[in-house]
């Protein structure tokens, strides 16, 4: 969802820049992946009522500028995964976070050399991206949900930082201190404007919040997404042409979209469909899961509750509150909220 919001913001802002060479430069920045061709026609049916479904992945690649976050082993996994469902009329949206440690059944996928990799049971969700890249990640989500993904957007660590810095930081409020050796984030209670490095630390923090699992980290990510939406709305209203162009250039360099969003004009159309969404219009949920009895470091979907979530989105309906009751949450609670203290 985070990358989706960035993309939408950039497209709306770029639409106000009338210079042809600017469009060409930004078009050249965008490097798309043709997921539709890779997956073919054996996919869920599109609802066809104007609603929109997008898989957004944050990659944990350590290659290139990302090497400071660990050794580059030549592979990457999906560090963050969110399914964005924009309802018919584009006035409301639901975001479903999929914990990366969720044990799932992965379908057959093709690897980077085009060879078929047989499907597997009880493998972590984030290995789908490692196995077959974006197309396998999309195929896995579609198999889990029964929902066709209209689009795909990916961003890595360095791109994330650059976008936040170009925005001038994002304001959040912490109700308790965060001190995490792994993510190198140290924040006292209070209101903070996070720069790119701090924002990356926040969305990667897990060991020092809640129960130390990926579920607690997801709650931090969801709170940050809300704050990011608010910040982008502010920038769109207040920024001058130079800042707008800088944000557009940074974002188009930072994201990897599917081939249906790999031009400025396509991004503009996408953005216009999201332009009425504010933070309060976006409902954030986590896929209903429980801790695995055989491995407490992993989670498994609660089948009936997960089915309720996906069924609601397939029918373009709100996710019922009962679908996420009594499922594993991670217990990070309201540690982080968007905006200054007392506001959300």
C-alpha atoms as a PDB file:
ATOM      1  CA  UNK A   1       0.000   0.000   0.000  1.00  0.00           C
ATOM      2  CA  UNK A   2       2.818   2.393   0.814  1.00  0.00           C
ATOM      3  CA  UNK A   3       4.264   2.202  -2.672  1.00  0.00           C
ATOM      4  CA  UNK A   4       0.776   2.491  -4.168  1.00  0.00           C
ATOM      5  CA  UNK A   5       0.198   5.748  -2.345  1.00  0.00           C
ATOM      6  CA  UNK A   6       3.558   7.082  -3.484  1.00  0.00           C
ATOM      7  CA  UNK A   7       2.841   6.149  -7.061  1.00  0.00           C
ATOM      8  CA  UNK A   8      -0.578   7.750  -7.001  1.00  0.00           C
ATOM      9  CA  UNK A   9       0.798  10.921  -5.480  1.00  0.00           C
ATOM     10  CA  UNK A  10       3.587  11.164  -8.010  1.00  0.00           C
ATOM     11  CA  UNK A  11       1.239  10.635 -10.930  1.00  0.00           C
ATOM     12  CA  UNK A  12      -1.181  13.314  -9.755  1.00  0.00           C
ATOM     13  CA  UNK A  13       1.644  15.748  -9.208  1.00  0.00           C
ATOM     14  CA  UNK A  14       3.335  14.986 -12.498  1.00  0.00           C
ATOM     15  CA  UNK A  15       0.068  15.620 -14.338  1.00  0.00           C
ATOM     16  CA  UNK A  16       0.613  19.300 -13.605  1.00  0.00           C
ATOM     17  CA  UNK A  17       3.988  19.382 -15.374  1.00  0.00           C
ATOM     18  CA  UNK A  18       3.535  20.211 -19.038  1.00  0.00           C
ATOM     19  CA  UNK A  19       7.045  19.760 -20.451  1.00  0.00           C
ATOM     20  CA  UNK A  20       7.409  16.920 -22.943  1.00  0.00           C
ATOM     21  CA  UNK A  21      11.004  16.098 -22.060  1.00  0.00           C
ATOM     22  CA  UNK A  22       9.999  15.696 -18.405  1.00  0.00           C
ATOM     23  CA  UNK A  23       7.451  13.054 -19.386  1.00  0.00           C
ATOM     24  CA  UNK A  24      10.065  11.257 -21.460  1.00  0.00           C
ATOM     25  CA  UNK A  25      12.583  11.259 -18.631  1.00  0.00           C
ATOM     26  CA  UNK A  26      10.085   9.941 -16.107  1.00  0.00           C
ATOM     27  CA  UNK A  27       8.832   7.343 -18.574  1.00  0.00           C
ATOM     28  CA  UNK A  28      12.406   6.142 -18.994  1.00  0.00           C
ATOM     29  CA  UNK A  29      12.745   5.797 -15.221  1.00  0.00           C
ATOM     30  CA  UNK A  30       9.893   3.283 -15.097  1.00  0.00           C
ATOM     31  CA  UNK A  31      10.902  -0.339 -15.664  1.00  0.00           C
ATOM     32  CA  UNK A  32       7.821  -2.556 -15.641  1.00  0.00           C
ATOM     33  CA  UNK A  33       7.351  -6.324 -15.439  1.00  0.00           C
ATOM     34  CA  UNK A  34       4.880  -8.064 -17.746  1.00  0.00           C
ATOM     35  CA  UNK A  35       3.027 -10.244 -15.252  1.00  0.00           C
ATOM     36  CA  UNK A  36      -0.046 -10.806 -17.445  1.00  0.00           C
ATOM     37  CA  UNK A  37       1.992 -12.506 -20.171  1.00  0.00           C
ATOM     38  CA  UNK A  38       3.867 -14.666 -17.655  1.00  0.00           C
ATOM     39  CA  UNK A  39       0.694 -15.873 -15.944  1.00  0.00           C
ATOM     40  CA  UNK A  40      -1.478 -16.347 -19.020  1.00  0.00           C
ATOM     41  CA  UNK A  41      -5.237 -16.794 -18.824  1.00  0.00           C
ATOM     42  CA  UNK A  42      -5.591 -19.324 -16.005  1.00  0.00           C
ATOM     43  CA  UNK A  43      -6.383 -16.712 -13.381  1.00  0.00           C
ATOM     44  CA  UNK A  44      -9.353 -15.586 -11.277  1.00  0.00           C
ATOM     45  CA  UNK A  45     -12.010 -13.629 -13.114  1.00  0.00           C
ATOM     46  CA  UNK A  46     -11.939  -9.852 -12.817  1.00  0.00           C
ATOM     47  CA  UNK A  47     -14.964  -8.508 -10.948  1.00  0.00           C
ATOM     48  CA  UNK A  48     -15.509  -5.936 -13.690  1.00  0.00           C
ATOM     49  CA  UNK A  49     -17.425  -3.367 -11.613  1.00  0.00           C
ATOM     50  CA  UNK A  50     -14.730  -0.696 -11.428  1.00  0.00           C
ATOM     51  CA  UNK A  51     -13.132  -1.955  -8.213  1.00  0.00           C
ATOM     52  CA  UNK A  52      -9.361  -2.402  -8.172  1.00  0.00           C
ATOM     53  CA  UNK A  53      -6.958  -4.916  -6.596  1.00  0.00           C
ATOM     54  CA  UNK A  54      -3.226  -4.300  -6.343  1.00  0.00           C
ATOM     55  CA  UNK A  55      -0.458  -6.405  -4.820  1.00  0.00           C
ATOM     56  CA  UNK A  56       2.214  -4.213  -3.250  1.00  0.00           C
ATOM     57  CA  UNK A  57       5.526  -5.775  -2.210  1.00  0.00           C
ATOM     58  CA  UNK A  58       8.510  -4.403  -0.332  1.00  0.00           C
ATOM     59  CA  UNK A  59      11.591  -6.328  -1.433  1.00  0.00           C
ATOM     60  CA  UNK A  60      14.379  -7.216   1.033  1.00  0.00           C
ATOM     61  CA  UNK A  61      17.021  -7.300  -1.712  1.00  0.00           C
ATOM     62  CA  UNK A  62      20.535  -6.562  -0.441  1.00  0.00           C
ATOM     63  CA  UNK A  63      21.999  -5.871  -3.863  1.00  0.00           C
ATOM     64  CA  UNK A  64      23.493  -2.540  -4.903  1.00  0.00           C
ATOM     65  CA  UNK A  65      22.714   0.329  -2.538  1.00  0.00           C
ATOM     66  CA  UNK A  66      20.790  -2.060  -0.248  1.00  0.00           C
ATOM     67  CA  UNK A  67      24.001  -3.902   0.741  1.00  0.00           C
ATOM     68  CA  UNK A  68      24.267  -1.949   4.004  1.00  0.00           C
ATOM     69  CA  UNK A  69      21.263  -3.935   5.311  1.00  0.00           C
ATOM     70  CA  UNK A  70      22.934  -7.329   4.980  1.00  0.00           C
ATOM     71  CA  UNK A  71      24.954  -9.589   2.720  1.00  0.00           C
ATOM     72  CA  UNK A  72      23.802  -9.897  -0.874  1.00  0.00           C
ATOM     73  CA  UNK A  73      23.128 -13.601  -1.451  1.00  0.00           C
ATOM     74  CA  UNK A  74      21.803 -13.091  -4.970  1.00  0.00           C
ATOM     75  CA  UNK A  75      18.147 -13.558  -4.031  1.00  0.00           C
ATOM     76  CA  UNK A  76      15.381 -11.451  -2.518  1.00  0.00           C
ATOM     77  CA  UNK A  77      12.144 -12.142  -0.698  1.00  0.00           C
ATOM     78  CA  UNK A  78       9.047 -10.056  -0.129  1.00  0.00           C
ATOM     79  CA  UNK A  79       9.704  -8.304   3.159  1.00  0.00           C
ATOM     80  CA  UNK A  80       6.279  -6.622   3.171  1.00  0.00           C
ATOM     81  CA  UNK A  81       3.148  -7.684   1.305  1.00  0.00           C
ATOM     82  CA  UNK A  82      -0.133  -5.795   1.135  1.00  0.00           C
ATOM     83  CA  UNK A  83      -3.201  -6.330  -1.027  1.00  0.00           C
ATOM     84  CA  UNK A  84      -4.986  -3.051  -1.764  1.00  0.00           C
ATOM     85  CA  UNK A  85      -8.673  -3.336  -2.664  1.00  0.00           C
ATOM     86  CA  UNK A  86     -10.268  -0.093  -3.866  1.00  0.00           C
ATOM     87  CA  UNK A  87     -14.043  -0.382  -3.810  1.00  0.00           C
ATOM     88  CA  UNK A  88     -16.372   0.521  -6.658  1.00  0.00           C
ATOM     89  CA  UNK A  89     -16.600   4.302  -6.860  1.00  0.00           C
ATOM     90  CA  UNK A  90     -13.055   4.621  -5.452  1.00  0.00           C
ATOM     91  CA  UNK A  91     -14.139   6.361  -2.243  1.00  0.00           C
ATOM     92  CA  UNK A  92     -13.048   3.627   0.167  1.00  0.00           C
ATOM     93  CA  UNK A  93     -10.312   1.007   0.300  1.00  0.00           C
ATOM     94  CA  UNK A  94      -9.195  -1.966   2.357  1.00  0.00           C
ATOM     95  CA  UNK A  95      -5.589  -3.058   2.758  1.00  0.00           C
ATOM     96  CA  UNK A  96      -4.846  -6.656   3.788  1.00  0.00           C
ATOM     97  CA  UNK A  97      -1.334  -7.247   5.138  1.00  0.00           C
ATOM     98  CA  UNK A  98      -0.007 -10.774   4.563  1.00  0.00           C
ATOM     99  CA  UNK A  99       2.600 -11.760   7.184  1.00  0.00           C
ATOM    100  CA  UNK A 100       5.770 -12.841   5.421  1.00  0.00           C
ATOM    101  CA  UNK A 101       6.153 -15.813   7.801  1.00  0.00           C
ATOM    102  CA  UNK A 102       2.743 -17.246   6.888  1.00  0.00           C
ATOM    103  CA  UNK A 103       2.953 -20.918   5.900  1.00  0.00           C
ATOM    104  CA  UNK A 104       1.049 -21.366   2.650  1.00  0.00           C
ATOM    105  CA  UNK A 105       0.688 -23.706  -0.310  1.00  0.00           C
ATOM    106  CA  UNK A 106       2.651 -22.197  -3.191  1.00  0.00           C
ATOM    107  CA  UNK A 107       1.487 -23.078  -6.736  1.00  0.00           C
ATOM    108  CA  UNK A 108       3.795 -24.149  -9.560  1.00  0.00           C
ATOM    109  CA  UNK A 109       5.852 -21.163 -10.727  1.00  0.00           C
ATOM    110  CA  UNK A 110       8.455 -20.385 -13.364  1.00  0.00           C
ATOM    111  CA  UNK A 111      11.913 -19.282 -12.212  1.00  0.00           C
ATOM    112  CA  UNK A 112      13.960 -16.518 -13.811  1.00  0.00           C
ATOM    113  CA  UNK A 113      15.188 -18.926 -16.502  1.00  0.00           C
ATOM    114  CA  UNK A 114      11.659 -20.002 -17.417  1.00  0.00           C
ATOM    115  CA  UNK A 115      11.901 -23.431 -15.801  1.00  0.00           C
ATOM    116  CA  UNK A 116       8.894 -24.711 -13.865  1.00  0.00           C
ATOM    117  CA  UNK A 117       9.397 -24.975 -10.116  1.00  0.00           C
ATOM    118  CA  UNK A 118       6.858 -27.407  -8.616  1.00  0.00           C
ATOM    119  CA  UNK A 119       4.498 -26.057  -5.997  1.00  0.00           C
ATOM    120  CA  UNK A 120       5.071 -26.778  -2.327  1.00  0.00           C
ATOM    121  CA  UNK A 121       3.099 -27.031   0.908  1.00  0.00           C
ATOM    122  CA  UNK A 122       3.919 -25.331   4.207  1.00  0.00           C
ATOM    123  CA  UNK A 123       6.428 -22.863   2.773  1.00  0.00           C
ATOM    124  CA  UNK A 124       6.696 -19.267   3.912  1.00  0.00           C
ATOM    125  CA  UNK A 125       4.742 -16.758   1.862  1.00  0.00           C
ATOM    126  CA  UNK A 126       7.796 -14.625   1.148  1.00  0.00           C
ATOM    127  CA  UNK A 127       9.551 -17.499  -0.643  1.00  0.00           C
ATOM    128  CA  UNK A 128       7.154 -17.133  -3.592  1.00  0.00           C
ATOM    129  CA  UNK A 129       8.964 -13.978  -4.705  1.00  0.00           C
ATOM    130  CA  UNK A 130      12.318 -15.684  -4.185  1.00  0.00           C
ATOM    131  CA  UNK A 131      11.189 -18.652  -6.293  1.00  0.00           C
ATOM    132  CA  UNK A 132       9.706 -16.884  -9.291  1.00  0.00           C
ATOM    133  CA  UNK A 133       9.831 -13.135  -8.777  1.00  0.00           C
ATOM    134  CA  UNK A 134       6.802 -10.837  -9.094  1.00  0.00           C
ATOM    135  CA  UNK A 135       4.754 -13.230 -11.251  1.00  0.00           C
ATOM    136  CA  UNK A 136       5.043 -16.037  -8.701  1.00  0.00           C
ATOM    137  CA  UNK A 137       4.143 -13.659  -5.873  1.00  0.00           C
ATOM    138  CA  UNK A 138       1.030 -12.554  -7.767  1.00  0.00           C
ATOM    139  CA  UNK A 139       0.115 -16.149  -8.659  1.00  0.00           C
ATOM    140  CA  UNK A 140       0.454 -17.175  -5.012  1.00  0.00           C
ATOM    141  CA  UNK A 141      -1.769 -14.330  -3.775  1.00  0.00           C
ATOM    142  CA  UNK A 142      -4.373 -15.105  -6.422  1.00  0.00           C
ATOM    143  CA  UNK A 143      -4.338 -18.787  -5.388  1.00  0.00           C
ATOM    144  CA  UNK A 144      -4.780 -17.800  -1.723  1.00  0.00           C
ATOM    145  CA  UNK A 145      -7.495 -15.228  -2.273  1.00  0.00           C
ATOM    146  CA  UNK A 146      -9.311 -16.165  -5.455  1.00  0.00           C
ATOM    147  CA  UNK A 147      -8.957 -12.492  -6.441  1.00  0.00           C
ATOM    148  CA  UNK A 148      -7.312 -11.340  -9.663  1.00  0.00           C
ATOM    149  CA  UNK A 149      -4.646  -8.698  -9.083  1.00  0.00           C
ATOM    150  CA  UNK A 150      -5.146  -5.804 -11.501  1.00  0.00           C
ATOM    151  CA  UNK A 151      -1.705  -4.382 -10.786  1.00  0.00           C
ATOM    152  CA  UNK A 152       1.591  -5.010  -9.021  1.00  0.00           C
ATOM    153  CA  UNK A 153       3.997  -2.473  -7.468  1.00  0.00           C
ATOM    154  CA  UNK A 154       7.346  -3.154  -5.778  1.00  0.00           C
ATOM    155  CA  UNK A 155       9.827  -0.975  -3.892  1.00  0.00           C
ATOM    156  CA  UNK A 156      13.112  -1.825  -2.150  1.00  0.00           C
ATOM    157  CA  UNK A 157      14.829  -0.426   0.972  1.00  0.00           C
ATOM    158  CA  UNK A 158      16.785   2.335  -0.751  1.00  0.00           C
ATOM    159  CA  UNK A 159      13.828   3.500  -2.822  1.00  0.00           C
ATOM    160  CA  UNK A 160      11.684   3.681   0.308  1.00  0.00           C
ATOM    161  CA  UNK A 161      14.219   5.897   2.094  1.00  0.00           C
ATOM    162  CA  UNK A 162      14.644   8.242  -0.850  1.00  0.00           C
ATOM    163  CA  UNK A 163      10.914   8.809  -1.209  1.00  0.00           C
ATOM    164  CA  UNK A 164      10.445   9.636   2.480  1.00  0.00           C
ATOM    165  CA  UNK A 165      13.384  12.049   2.345  1.00  0.00           C
ATOM    166  CA  UNK A 166      11.981  13.740  -0.765  1.00  0.00           C
ATOM    167  CA  UNK A 167       8.709  14.235   1.088  1.00  0.00           C
ATOM    168  CA  UNK A 168      10.621  16.060   3.825  1.00  0.00           C
ATOM    169  CA  UNK A 169       9.942  13.304   6.365  1.00  0.00           C
ATOM    170  CA  UNK A 170       6.776  11.756   7.770  1.00  0.00           C
ATOM    171  CA  UNK A 171       5.290  12.655  11.167  1.00  0.00           C
ATOM    172  CA  UNK A 172       4.300   9.945  13.636  1.00  0.00           C
ATOM    173  CA  UNK A 173       3.711   9.780  17.393  1.00  0.00           C
ATOM    174  CA  UNK A 174       4.994   7.017  19.660  1.00  0.00           C
ATOM    175  CA  UNK A 175       3.200   6.236  22.925  1.00  0.00           C
ATOM    176  CA  UNK A 176       6.158   4.240  24.294  1.00  0.00           C
ATOM    177  CA  UNK A 177       9.884   4.225  23.531  1.00  0.00           C
ATOM    178  CA  UNK A 178      11.197   2.135  20.634  1.00  0.00           C
ATOM    179  CA  UNK A 179      14.749   0.858  20.973  1.00  0.00           C
ATOM    180  CA  UNK A 180      15.578  -1.865  18.470  1.00  0.00           C
ATOM    181  CA  UNK A 181      19.134  -3.066  17.856  1.00  0.00           C
ATOM    182  CA  UNK A 182      18.208  -4.912  14.666  1.00  0.00           C
ATOM    183  CA  UNK A 183      16.540  -1.994  12.889  1.00  0.00           C
ATOM    184  CA  UNK A 184      18.796   0.597  14.604  1.00  0.00           C
ATOM    185  CA  UNK A 185      15.808   2.698  15.594  1.00  0.00           C
ATOM    186  CA  UNK A 186      15.764   4.591  18.876  1.00  0.00           C
ATOM    187  CA  UNK A 187      12.771   6.849  19.534  1.00  0.00           C
ATOM    188  CA  UNK A 188      11.526   8.217  22.869  1.00  0.00           C
ATOM    189  CA  UNK A 189       7.776   8.658  23.414  1.00  0.00           C
ATOM    190  CA  UNK A 190       6.392  11.683  21.601  1.00  0.00           C
ATOM    191  CA  UNK A 191       5.952  13.186  18.150  1.00  0.00           C
ATOM    192  CA  UNK A 192       8.708  12.705  15.572  1.00  0.00           C
ATOM    193  CA  UNK A 193       9.292  13.623  11.953  1.00  0.00           C
ATOM    194  CA  UNK A 194      11.044  10.552  10.598  1.00  0.00           C
ATOM    195  CA  UNK A 195      13.599  10.852   7.814  1.00  0.00           C
ATOM    196  CA  UNK A 196      14.070   8.032   5.326  1.00  0.00           C
ATOM    197  CA  UNK A 197      16.488   6.003   7.440  1.00  0.00           C
ATOM    198  CA  UNK A 198      14.304   6.278  10.535  1.00  0.00           C
ATOM    199  CA  UNK A 199      11.155   5.428   8.568  1.00  0.00           C
ATOM    200  CA  UNK A 200      12.838   2.327   7.186  1.00  0.00           C
ATOM    201  CA  UNK A 201      13.880   1.423  10.720  1.00  0.00           C
ATOM    202  CA  UNK A 202      10.285   1.783  11.902  1.00  0.00           C
ATOM    203  CA  UNK A 203       8.752  -0.473   9.242  1.00  0.00           C
ATOM    204  CA  UNK A 204      11.503  -3.069   9.834  1.00  0.00           C
ATOM    205  CA  UNK A 205      11.230  -3.059  13.646  1.00  0.00           C
ATOM    206  CA  UNK A 206       9.903  -6.280  15.134  1.00  0.00           C
ATOM    207  CA  UNK A 207      12.035  -7.611  18.024  1.00  0.00           C
ATOM    208  CA  UNK A 208      11.330  -4.738  20.412  1.00  0.00           C
ATOM    209  CA  UNK A 209       7.578  -4.325  19.872  1.00  0.00           C
ATOM    210  CA  UNK A 210       4.607  -6.442  20.874  1.00  0.00           C
ATOM    211  CA  UNK A 211       5.532 -10.117  20.981  1.00  0.00           C
ATOM    212  CA  UNK A 212       8.581  -9.630  18.745  1.00  0.00           C
ATOM    213  CA  UNK A 213       6.917 -11.276  15.750  1.00  0.00           C
ATOM    214  CA  UNK A 214       6.239 -10.060  12.237  1.00  0.00           C
ATOM    215  CA  UNK A 215       2.660  -9.335  13.330  1.00  0.00           C
ATOM    216  CA  UNK A 216       3.758  -6.517  15.607  1.00  0.00           C
ATOM    217  CA  UNK A 217       5.859  -5.068  12.823  1.00  0.00           C
ATOM    218  CA  UNK A 218       2.838  -5.135  10.500  1.00  0.00           C
ATOM    219  CA  UNK A 219       0.962  -2.933  12.944  1.00  0.00           C
ATOM    220  CA  UNK A 220       3.803  -0.400  12.762  1.00  0.00           C
ATOM    221  CA  UNK A 221       3.742  -0.564   8.968  1.00  0.00           C
ATOM    222  CA  UNK A 222       0.012   0.034   8.846  1.00  0.00           C
ATOM    223  CA  UNK A 223       0.283   3.067  11.127  1.00  0.00           C
ATOM    224  CA  UNK A 224       3.088   4.429   8.973  1.00  0.00           C
ATOM    225  CA  UNK A 225       1.011   4.003   5.802  1.00  0.00           C
ATOM    226  CA  UNK A 226      -1.693   6.193   7.357  1.00  0.00           C
ATOM    227  CA  UNK A 227       0.901   8.837   8.206  1.00  0.00           C
ATOM    228  CA  UNK A 228       2.368   8.640   4.717  1.00  0.00           C
ATOM    229  CA  UNK A 229      -1.000   9.197   3.066  1.00  0.00           C
ATOM    230  CA  UNK A 230      -1.521  12.314   5.183  1.00  0.00           C
ATOM    231  CA  UNK A 231       1.943  13.616   4.350  1.00  0.00           C
ATOM    232  CA  UNK A 232       1.472  13.116   0.605  1.00  0.00           C
ATOM    233  CA  UNK A 233      -1.836  14.971   0.705  1.00  0.00           C
ATOM    234  CA  UNK A 234      -0.036  17.895   2.366  1.00  0.00           C
ATOM    235  CA  UNK A 235       2.767  17.883  -0.178  1.00  0.00           C
ATOM    236  CA  UNK A 236       0.311  17.840  -3.054  1.00  0.00           C
ATOM    237  CA  UNK A 237      -1.307  21.017  -1.758  1.00  0.00           C
ATOM    238  CA  UNK A 238       1.738  22.947  -0.558  1.00  0.00           C
ATOM    239  CA  UNK A 239       4.733  21.935  -2.678  1.00  0.00           C
ATOM    240  CA  UNK A 240       6.199  24.012  -5.485  1.00  0.00           C
ATOM    241  CA  UNK A 241       7.118  22.725  -8.971  1.00  0.00           C
ATOM    242  CA  UNK A 242      10.732  21.899  -8.042  1.00  0.00           C
ATOM    243  CA  UNK A 243       9.755  19.717  -5.099  1.00  0.00           C
ATOM    244  CA  UNK A 244       6.972  18.102  -7.107  1.00  0.00           C
ATOM    245  CA  UNK A 245       9.346  17.188  -9.920  1.00  0.00           C
ATOM    246  CA  UNK A 246      11.945  15.885  -7.448  1.00  0.00           C
ATOM    247  CA  UNK A 247       9.350  13.635  -5.828  1.00  0.00           C
ATOM    248  CA  UNK A 248       8.154  12.398  -9.217  1.00  0.00           C
ATOM    249  CA  UNK A 249      11.688  11.630 -10.365  1.00  0.00           C
ATOM    250  CA  UNK A 250      12.599   9.820  -7.137  1.00  0.00           C
ATOM    251  CA  UNK A 251       9.451   7.725  -7.088  1.00  0.00           C
ATOM    252  CA  UNK A 252       9.567   6.645 -10.708  1.00  0.00           C
ATOM    253  CA  UNK A 253      13.156   5.504 -10.100  1.00  0.00           C
ATOM    254  CA  UNK A 254      12.248   3.705  -6.880  1.00  0.00           C
ATOM    255  CA  UNK A 255       9.289   1.555  -7.921  1.00  0.00           C
ATOM    256  CA  UNK A 256       8.914  -1.467 -10.168  1.00  0.00           C
ATOM    257  CA  UNK A 257       5.307  -1.597 -11.444  1.00  0.00           C
ATOM    258  CA  UNK A 258       3.587  -4.092 -13.707  1.00  0.00           C
ATOM    259  CA  UNK A 259       3.466  -3.304 -17.416  1.00  0.00           C
ATOM    260  CA  UNK A 260       0.043  -1.706 -17.005  1.00  0.00           C
ATOM    261  CA  UNK A 261       1.554   1.099 -14.906  1.00  0.00           C
ATOM    262  CA  UNK A 262       4.973   1.594 -16.486  1.00  0.00           C
ATOM    263  CA  UNK A 263       4.299   4.943 -18.135  1.00  0.00           C
ATOM    264  CA  UNK A 264       3.533   8.369 -16.739  1.00  0.00           C
ATOM    265  CA  UNK A 265       0.154   8.505 -18.502  1.00  0.00           C
ATOM    266  CA  UNK A 266      -0.861   5.143 -17.021  1.00  0.00           C
ATOM    267  CA  UNK A 267       0.191   6.321 -13.567  1.00  0.00           C
ATOM    268  CA  UNK A 268      -1.855   9.477 -13.970  1.00  0.00           C
ATOM    269  CA  UNK A 269      -4.948   7.428 -14.743  1.00  0.00           C
ATOM    270  CA  UNK A 270      -4.249   5.176 -11.786  1.00  0.00           C
ATOM    271  CA  UNK A 271      -3.762   8.168  -9.491  1.00  0.00           C
ATOM    272  CA  UNK A 272      -6.993   9.830 -10.522  1.00  0.00           C
ATOM    273  CA  UNK A 273      -8.784   6.699  -9.398  1.00  0.00           C
ATOM    274  CA  UNK A 274      -7.267   7.106  -5.912  1.00  0.00           C
ATOM    275  CA  UNK A 275      -7.340  10.878  -5.599  1.00  0.00           C
ATOM    276  CA  UNK A 276     -10.413  10.945  -3.335  1.00  0.00           C
ATOM    277  CA  UNK A 277      -8.926   8.556  -0.758  1.00  0.00           C
ATOM    278  CA  UNK A 278      -7.757  10.027   2.542  1.00  0.00           C
ATOM    279  CA  UNK A 279      -6.179   8.107   5.430  1.00  0.00           C
ATOM    280  CA  UNK A 280      -9.562   7.780   7.125  1.00  0.00           C
ATOM    281  CA  UNK A 281     -10.998   6.085   4.028  1.00  0.00           C
ATOM    282  CA  UNK A 282      -8.500   3.228   4.174  1.00  0.00           C
ATOM    283  CA  UNK A 283      -9.287   0.237   6.403  1.00  0.00           C
ATOM    284  CA  UNK A 284      -6.178  -1.714   7.456  1.00  0.00           C
ATOM    285  CA  UNK A 285      -6.436  -5.390   8.401  1.00  0.00           C
ATOM    286  CA  UNK A 286      -4.028  -8.279   8.788  1.00  0.00           C
ATOM    287  CA  UNK A 287      -4.785 -11.660   7.254  1.00  0.00           C
ATOM    288  CA  UNK A 288      -6.303 -13.724  10.098  1.00  0.00           C
ATOM    289  CA  UNK A 289      -3.593 -16.093  11.309  1.00  0.00           C
ATOM    290  CA  UNK A 290      -2.599 -18.143  14.335  1.00  0.00           C
ATOM    291  CA  UNK A 291       0.811 -19.293  15.498  1.00  0.00           C
ATOM    292  CA  UNK A 292       1.791 -22.634  14.019  1.00  0.00           C
ATOM    293  CA  UNK A 293       1.694 -25.453  16.570  1.00  0.00           C
ATOM    294  CA  UNK A 294       4.747 -27.153  15.031  1.00  0.00           C
ATOM    295  CA  UNK A 295       6.827 -23.967  14.751  1.00  0.00           C
ATOM    296  CA  UNK A 296       5.900 -20.959  16.935  1.00  0.00           C
ATOM    297  CA  UNK A 297       8.094 -18.730  14.735  1.00  0.00           C
ATOM    298  CA  UNK A 298       5.620 -19.203  11.886  1.00  0.00           C
ATOM    299  CA  UNK A 299       1.924 -18.476  11.450  1.00  0.00           C
ATOM    300  CA  UNK A 300      -0.806 -20.218   9.461  1.00  0.00           C
ATOM    301  CA  UNK A 301      -4.052 -18.746   8.110  1.00  0.00           C
ATOM    302  CA  UNK A 302      -7.168 -19.284  10.188  1.00  0.00           C
ATOM    303  CA  UNK A 303      -9.058 -20.852   7.318  1.00  0.00           C
ATOM    304  CA  UNK A 304     -12.628 -19.769   8.041  1.00  0.00           C
ATOM    305  CA  UNK A 305     -11.677 -16.226   9.040  1.00  0.00           C
ATOM    306  CA  UNK A 306      -9.273 -15.792   6.121  1.00  0.00           C
ATOM    307  CA  UNK A 307     -11.967 -17.009   3.763  1.00  0.00           C
ATOM    308  CA  UNK A 308     -14.295 -14.322   5.157  1.00  0.00           C
ATOM    309  CA  UNK A 309     -11.733 -11.620   4.365  1.00  0.00           C
ATOM    310  CA  UNK A 310     -11.113 -12.746   0.801  1.00  0.00           C
ATOM    311  CA  UNK A 311     -14.796 -13.440   0.149  1.00  0.00           C
ATOM    312  CA  UNK A 312     -15.725  -9.913   1.238  1.00  0.00           C
ATOM    313  CA  UNK A 313     -13.208  -8.379  -1.153  1.00  0.00           C
ATOM    314  CA  UNK A 314     -14.240 -10.688  -3.995  1.00  0.00           C
ATOM    315  CA  UNK A 315     -17.776  -9.396  -3.513  1.00  0.00           C
ATOM    316  CA  UNK A 316     -16.557  -5.776  -3.159  1.00  0.00           C
ATOM    317  CA  UNK A 317     -17.870  -5.626   0.415  1.00  0.00           C
ATOM    318  CA  UNK A 318     -16.274  -4.309   3.645  1.00  0.00           C
ATOM    319  CA  UNK A 319     -14.334  -6.884   5.641  1.00  0.00           C
ATOM    320  CA  UNK A 320     -16.509  -7.788   8.674  1.00  0.00           C
ATOM    321  CA  UNK A 321     -14.930  -7.053  12.051  1.00  0.00           C
ATOM    322  CA  UNK A 322     -15.695 -10.614  13.114  1.00  0.00           C
ATOM    323  CA  UNK A 323     -13.233 -11.935  10.518  1.00  0.00           C
ATOM    324  CA  UNK A 324     -10.225 -10.712  12.484  1.00  0.00           C
ATOM    325  CA  UNK A 325     -11.487 -11.298  16.021  1.00  0.00           C
ATOM    326  CA  UNK A 326      -9.527 -13.668  18.262  1.00  0.00           C
ATOM    327  CA  UNK A 327      -6.672 -14.096  15.799  1.00  0.00           C
ATOM    328  CA  UNK A 328      -2.961 -13.468  16.365  1.00  0.00           C
ATOM    329  CA  UNK A 329      -2.238  -9.729  16.397  1.00  0.00           C
ATOM    330  CA  UNK A 330       1.363  -9.289  17.562  1.00  0.00           C
ATOM    331  CA  UNK A 331       0.313  -6.981  20.429  1.00  0.00           C
ATOM    332  CA  UNK A 332       2.064  -3.821  19.238  1.00  0.00           C
ATOM    333  CA  UNK A 333      -1.276  -2.099  19.759  1.00  0.00           C
ATOM    334  CA  UNK A 334      -1.381   1.690  19.429  1.00  0.00           C
ATOM    335  CA  UNK A 335       2.365   2.130  19.877  1.00  0.00           C
ATOM    336  CA  UNK A 336       2.521   4.363  16.792  1.00  0.00           C
ATOM    337  CA  UNK A 337      -0.109   6.747  15.428  1.00  0.00           C
ATOM    338  CA  UNK A 338       0.003   9.186  12.536  1.00  0.00           C
ATOM    339  CA  UNK A 339       0.420  12.895  13.102  1.00  0.00           C
ATOM    340  CA  UNK A 340       1.118  14.783  16.345  1.00  0.00           C
ATOM    341  CA  UNK A 341       0.019  13.555  19.761  1.00  0.00           C
ATOM    342  CA  UNK A 342      -3.732  13.745  20.255  1.00  0.00           C
ATOM    343  CA  UNK A 343      -4.468  13.530  16.532  1.00  0.00           C
ATOM    344  CA  UNK A 344      -4.889  10.554  14.198  1.00  0.00           C
END
